[in-house]
Amino acid sequence: MGHKTPADIDTISDEELTELLAEAEGTAPEEIERGAAELDIAPPEEATVVDVNE
């Protein structure tokens, strides 16, 4: 009963997340967006599965 499911957790928009990150980093939201655009993130279906226990 004490566990929250993903549906129970409040969600925020991409814009809200960008603003929170910018505030935490002391930078402008535009800088956060530019930095994110430079990241090359593969889609989950292309991810490599790694067993951290080995």
Protein backbone atom coordinates (compact mmCIF):
# COMPACT_ATOMS: atom_id res chain seq x y z
CA MET A 1 0.00 0.00 0.00
CA GLY A 2 2.91 2.36 0.59
CA HIS A 3 4.23 2.01 -2.94
CA LYS A 4 3.30 4.52 -5.60
CA THR A 5 2.60 3.37 -9.10
CA PRO A 6 3.62 5.48 -12.11
CA ALA A 7 -0.02 6.60 -12.40
CA ASP A 8 0.13 7.94 -8.82
CA ILE A 9 3.21 10.08 -9.40
CA ASP A 10 2.73 13.65 -10.55
CA THR A 11 4.08 14.24 -14.03
CA ILE A 12 5.52 17.43 -15.46
CA SER A 13 5.87 18.62 -19.02
CA ASP A 14 9.16 18.77 -20.90
CA GLU A 15 9.05 22.55 -20.59
CA GLU A 16 8.59 22.37 -16.81
CA LEU A 17 11.47 19.91 -16.51
CA THR A 18 13.70 22.18 -18.59
CA GLU A 19 12.83 25.14 -16.37
CA LEU A 20 13.55 23.14 -13.20
CA LEU A 21 16.89 21.94 -14.54
CA ALA A 22 17.85 25.44 -15.64
CA GLU A 23 17.01 26.85 -12.22
CA ALA A 24 18.96 24.11 -10.46
CA GLU A 25 21.98 24.65 -12.71
CA GLY A 26 21.77 28.45 -12.60
CA THR A 27 21.45 28.74 -16.37
CA ALA A 28 18.85 29.66 -18.98
CA PRO A 29 16.31 27.11 -20.22
CA GLU A 30 17.65 27.69 -23.74
CA GLU A 31 21.08 26.43 -22.63
CA ILE A 32 19.49 23.26 -21.26
CA GLU A 33 17.64 22.73 -24.55
CA ARG A 34 20.81 23.28 -26.61
CA GLY A 35 22.71 20.82 -24.45
CA ALA A 36 19.94 18.24 -24.78
CA ALA A 37 19.90 18.67 -28.57
CA GLU A 38 23.62 17.83 -28.66
CA LEU A 39 23.13 14.49 -26.88
CA ASP A 40 22.94 11.42 -29.05
CA ILE A 41 20.45 9.22 -27.20
CA ALA A 42 19.52 5.91 -28.79
CA PRO A 43 15.90 4.79 -28.63
CA PRO A 44 15.19 2.15 -25.94
CA GLU A 45 14.76 -0.61 -28.51
CA GLU A 46 18.39 -0.04 -29.60
CA ALA A 47 19.80 0.00 -26.07
CA THR A 48 22.38 -2.50 -24.88
CA VAL A 49 21.26 -4.52 -21.87
CA VAL A 50 23.95 -4.74 -19.20
CA ASP A 51 23.86 -6.94 -16.10
CA VAL A 52 25.37 -4.77 -13.36
CA ASN A 53 25.71 -7.77 -11.04
CA GLU A 54 28.40 -9.39 -13.15
